[in-house]
């Protein structure tokens, strides 16, 4: 055994696998991919296919397949070798832990903040706090640093509703403009982290397929620089 995950042992015999998720991150990543000459042959938003080949290979003939997966699954696919690289929000990467992946590039897109929020103007109860979130690991670490005891309520959406119906005292969630918080009588209370989309690479793949992966990282880094200059 050479330490390389089984899906990577035949790496030289298959296309590179690039994990992406539909939604805001994909929409913001697509212009960078296009600028780097790495474009899906079909629009994932209009296709039911889960594997979509790139329109053109890299120099030297290296082919690329895009894997369309849930955003929360991107780190797992990359970590375990189902994909060689992927694009994922820093919030998802923080929650996953990031073992076995290289955070190769901050794409500086899909920017937001991971925040603690609660009802505007309401004093917090003494003792343990009930915190609703879909980021339990991040929430646990944040409050542990403050030596504050919490009970976690795992939710997957409509986080702002939890304090309104007495399910939680606080929420931990990603915040963009903050307008949804305001519309529901909440306010940001504590900043946990600035979030943006990151390009991640499987550690073993970076060794086995270094030339091709370094080419992709270089192209996307160049596209990001050009985008910043244009802005």
Protein backbone atom coordinates (compact mmCIF):
# COMPACT_ATOMS: atom_id res chain seq x y z
CA UNK A 1 0.00 0.00 0.00
CA UNK A 2 1.39 3.39 -0.94
CA UNK A 3 -0.99 5.58 1.06
CA UNK A 4 -3.00 6.63 -1.98
CA UNK A 5 -6.76 6.14 -1.81
CA UNK A 6 -8.09 3.43 -4.16
CA UNK A 7 -9.86 5.89 -6.50
CA UNK A 8 -6.49 7.55 -7.10
CA UNK A 9 -4.45 4.46 -7.97
CA UNK A 10 -5.61 4.56 -11.57
CA UNK A 11 -5.38 8.36 -11.63
CA UNK A 12 -3.31 8.50 -14.80
CA UNK A 13 -5.96 6.47 -16.63
CA UNK A 14 -8.99 8.69 -16.02
CA UNK A 15 -9.99 12.36 -16.28
CA UNK A 16 -9.33 14.71 -13.42
CA UNK A 17 -12.45 14.98 -11.28
CA UNK A 18 -13.51 18.48 -10.24
CA UNK A 19 -16.28 18.62 -7.59
CA UNK A 20 -18.73 21.52 -7.80
CA UNK A 21 -22.14 22.26 -6.33
CA UNK A 22 -25.02 24.08 -7.97
CA UNK A 23 -26.00 27.46 -6.61
CA UNK A 24 -24.24 30.69 -5.74
CA UNK A 25 -20.73 29.27 -5.54
CA UNK A 26 -21.03 27.62 -8.95
CA UNK A 27 -22.50 30.79 -10.47
CA UNK A 28 -19.60 32.83 -9.09
CA UNK A 29 -16.99 30.20 -10.02
CA UNK A 30 -18.12 29.79 -13.64
CA UNK A 31 -16.65 33.13 -14.88
CA UNK A 32 -13.28 32.20 -13.35
CA UNK A 33 -13.42 28.75 -14.97
CA UNK A 34 -14.30 30.32 -18.32
CA UNK A 35 -11.45 32.82 -18.00
CA UNK A 36 -9.14 29.90 -17.28
CA UNK A 37 -10.40 27.89 -20.25
CA UNK A 38 -11.99 25.19 -18.04
CA UNK A 39 -15.65 25.07 -19.04
CA UNK A 40 -18.31 22.35 -18.61
CA UNK A 41 -19.62 21.01 -21.90
CA UNK A 42 -23.18 21.37 -20.55
CA UNK A 43 -24.86 23.80 -18.17
CA UNK A 44 -25.18 21.89 -14.85
CA UNK A 45 -28.23 23.99 -13.96
CA UNK A 46 -30.05 22.68 -17.04
CA UNK A 47 -28.73 19.11 -16.94
CA UNK A 48 -29.65 16.15 -14.75
CA UNK A 49 -26.23 14.57 -15.30
CA UNK A 50 -23.99 14.26 -12.25
CA UNK A 51 -20.77 13.87 -14.29
CA UNK A 52 -20.23 16.50 -16.99
CA UNK A 53 -17.02 16.53 -19.04
CA UNK A 54 -15.16 19.75 -19.65
CA UNK A 55 -15.49 21.16 -23.15
CA UNK A 56 -11.74 21.14 -23.81
CA UNK A 57 -8.81 19.20 -22.31
CA UNK A 58 -5.79 20.83 -20.71
CA UNK A 59 -2.56 21.12 -22.72
CA UNK A 60 -1.17 17.64 -23.19
CA UNK A 61 -4.64 16.16 -23.53
CA UNK A 62 -5.56 15.90 -19.85
CA UNK A 63 -9.37 15.60 -19.64
CA UNK A 64 -11.51 16.97 -16.81
CA UNK A 65 -14.87 15.76 -15.52
CA UNK A 66 -17.04 17.95 -13.31
CA UNK A 67 -18.84 16.09 -10.50
CA UNK A 68 -22.06 17.81 -9.42
CA UNK A 69 -22.52 17.19 -5.70
CA UNK A 70 -24.10 18.83 -2.65
CA UNK A 71 -22.05 21.72 -1.30
CA UNK A 72 -21.64 19.99 2.07
CA UNK A 73 -20.27 16.87 0.33
CA UNK A 74 -17.48 18.57 -1.66
CA UNK A 75 -14.81 18.19 1.08
CA UNK A 76 -15.71 14.51 1.56
CA UNK A 77 -15.39 13.73 -2.16
CA UNK A 78 -12.02 15.48 -2.30
CA UNK A 79 -10.73 14.08 0.99
CA UNK A 80 -11.59 10.47 0.08
CA UNK A 81 -10.35 10.63 -3.51
CA UNK A 82 -13.70 10.56 -5.28
CA UNK A 83 -12.66 13.94 -6.68
CA UNK A 84 -9.19 15.36 -7.20
CA UNK A 85 -10.18 18.94 -6.48
CA UNK A 86 -13.24 21.05 -5.78
CA UNK A 87 -14.63 24.45 -4.88
CA UNK A 88 -16.31 24.89 -1.48
CA UNK A 89 -17.22 27.65 0.93
CA UNK A 90 -14.85 28.22 3.83
CA UNK A 91 -17.81 27.70 6.19
CA UNK A 92 -18.33 24.15 4.89
CA UNK A 93 -14.59 23.49 5.06
CA UNK A 94 -14.42 24.73 8.66
CA UNK A 95 -17.33 22.48 9.63
CA UNK A 96 -15.84 19.46 7.82
CA UNK A 97 -12.39 19.89 9.31
CA UNK A 98 -10.29 19.82 6.15
CA UNK A 99 -8.20 16.71 6.90
CA UNK A 100 -6.65 15.22 3.77
CA UNK A 101 -7.19 18.27 1.58
CA UNK A 102 -5.01 21.21 0.59
CA UNK A 103 -6.63 24.63 0.64
CA UNK A 104 -4.85 25.76 -2.51
CA UNK A 105 -6.52 29.06 -3.36
CA UNK A 106 -8.91 31.64 -1.95
CA UNK A 107 -11.07 32.43 -4.98
CA UNK A 108 -12.38 35.59 -3.27
CA UNK A 109 -15.96 34.94 -4.44
CA UNK A 110 -19.26 34.11 -2.69
CA UNK A 111 -18.14 36.27 0.20
CA UNK A 112 -20.16 36.37 3.43
CA UNK A 113 -19.63 36.11 7.20
CA UNK A 114 -20.23 33.38 9.74
CA UNK A 115 -22.00 35.13 12.62
CA UNK A 116 -23.76 34.67 15.91
CA UNK A 117 -27.12 36.43 15.79
CA UNK A 118 -30.07 36.86 18.13
CA UNK A 119 -33.21 38.90 18.78
CA UNK A 120 -32.51 42.63 18.58
CA UNK A 121 -32.36 44.33 21.95
CA UNK A 122 -33.18 41.19 23.96
CA UNK A 123 -30.98 40.30 26.94
CA UNK A 124 -29.63 36.76 26.85
CA UNK A 125 -30.72 34.35 29.59
CA UNK A 126 -28.26 33.36 32.27
CA UNK A 127 -26.86 29.85 32.21
CA UNK A 128 -26.72 27.57 29.20
CA UNK A 129 -27.66 29.03 25.84
CA UNK A 130 -29.63 27.22 23.17
CA UNK A 131 -27.96 27.75 19.80
CA UNK A 132 -29.58 26.75 16.49
CA UNK A 133 -27.24 26.11 13.57
CA UNK A 134 -26.29 23.88 10.67
CA UNK A 135 -22.65 24.41 11.71
CA UNK A 136 -22.49 22.58 15.08
CA UNK A 137 -18.71 22.06 15.04
CA UNK A 138 -18.06 25.72 14.31
CA UNK A 139 -20.57 26.85 16.93
CA UNK A 140 -19.14 24.48 19.55
CA UNK A 141 -15.58 25.72 18.96
CA UNK A 142 -16.63 29.38 19.04
CA UNK A 143 -18.47 29.18 22.35
CA UNK A 144 -15.85 26.88 23.88
CA UNK A 145 -13.26 29.62 23.31
CA UNK A 146 -15.48 31.86 25.43
CA UNK A 147 -16.06 29.16 28.04
CA UNK A 148 -19.80 29.48 27.44
CA UNK A 149 -21.99 26.40 27.84
CA UNK A 150 -24.51 25.74 25.06
CA UNK A 151 -27.07 23.23 23.91
CA UNK A 152 -26.99 22.81 20.12
CA UNK A 153 -30.12 22.59 18.01
CA UNK A 154 -29.21 21.21 14.58
CA UNK A 155 -31.28 22.76 11.79
CA UNK A 156 -30.85 22.77 8.02
CA UNK A 157 -32.69 25.93 7.02
CA UNK A 158 -34.87 28.90 8.10
CA UNK A 159 -32.45 29.47 10.95
CA UNK A 160 -33.91 32.90 11.74
CA UNK A 161 -37.19 31.27 12.77
CA UNK A 162 -35.70 29.43 15.75
CA UNK A 163 -35.42 32.39 18.16
CA UNK A 164 -38.81 33.71 17.08
CA UNK A 165 -40.65 30.58 18.24
CA UNK A 166 -38.57 29.93 21.35
CA UNK A 167 -36.58 27.03 19.91
CA UNK A 168 -33.24 28.76 20.49
CA UNK A 169 -31.73 31.84 22.11
CA UNK A 170 -29.17 32.42 19.37
CA UNK A 171 -28.30 31.21 15.90
CA UNK A 172 -24.98 30.65 14.15
CA UNK A 173 -25.32 31.12 10.41
CA UNK A 174 -23.79 32.68 7.33
CA UNK A 175 -24.79 36.30 6.78
CA UNK A 176 -24.54 38.18 3.49
CA UNK A 177 -26.24 41.58 3.61
CA UNK A 178 -27.99 40.97 6.93
CA UNK A 179 -31.36 41.95 5.46
CA UNK A 180 -32.97 38.60 6.38
CA UNK A 181 -31.89 39.07 10.00
CA UNK A 182 -33.38 42.56 10.13
CA UNK A 183 -36.62 41.43 8.47
CA UNK A 184 -37.06 38.87 11.26
CA UNK A 185 -36.15 41.10 14.18
CA UNK A 186 -32.63 39.71 14.64
CA UNK A 187 -29.23 41.37 14.71
CA UNK A 188 -25.64 40.15 14.30
CA UNK A 189 -23.94 39.85 17.68
CA UNK A 190 -20.55 38.18 17.19
CA UNK A 191 -18.30 37.66 14.18
CA UNK A 192 -16.86 34.15 13.85
CA UNK A 193 -15.13 34.18 10.44
CA UNK A 194 -15.03 35.80 7.04
CA UNK A 195 -16.17 33.31 4.42
CA UNK A 196 -15.33 32.93 0.73
CA UNK A 197 -15.07 30.07 -1.76
CA UNK A 198 -11.85 28.04 -1.68
CA UNK A 199 -10.22 25.73 -4.22
CA UNK A 200 -9.27 22.52 -2.42
CA UNK A 201 -7.12 19.64 -3.70
CA UNK A 202 -6.71 16.05 -2.53
CA UNK A 203 -3.24 15.69 -0.98
CA UNK A 204 -2.44 12.39 -2.69
CA UNK A 205 -3.72 13.65 -6.05
CA UNK A 206 -1.43 16.67 -5.82
CA UNK A 207 1.48 14.21 -5.70
CA UNK A 208 0.23 11.78 -8.37
CA UNK A 209 -1.12 14.42 -10.79
CA UNK A 210 0.88 17.46 -9.80
CA UNK A 211 1.43 18.93 -13.27
CA UNK A 212 -2.23 18.95 -14.27
CA UNK A 213 -3.48 20.17 -10.89
CA UNK A 214 -0.85 22.88 -10.69
CA UNK A 215 -1.98 24.03 -14.15
CA UNK A 216 -5.58 24.38 -12.96
CA UNK A 217 -4.56 26.22 -9.79
CA UNK A 218 -2.40 28.57 -11.87
CA UNK A 219 -5.21 29.27 -14.35
CA UNK A 220 -7.74 30.04 -11.65
CA UNK A 221 -5.25 32.20 -9.75
CA UNK A 222 -4.64 34.16 -12.94
CA UNK A 223 -8.38 34.54 -13.54
CA UNK A 224 -8.85 35.76 -9.97
CA UNK A 225 -6.08 38.36 -10.37
CA UNK A 226 -7.57 39.57 -13.66
CA UNK A 227 -11.01 39.82 -12.04
CA UNK A 228 -9.61 41.89 -9.17
CA UNK A 229 -7.79 44.20 -11.59
CA UNK A 230 -10.94 44.72 -13.66
CA UNK A 231 -12.92 45.55 -10.53
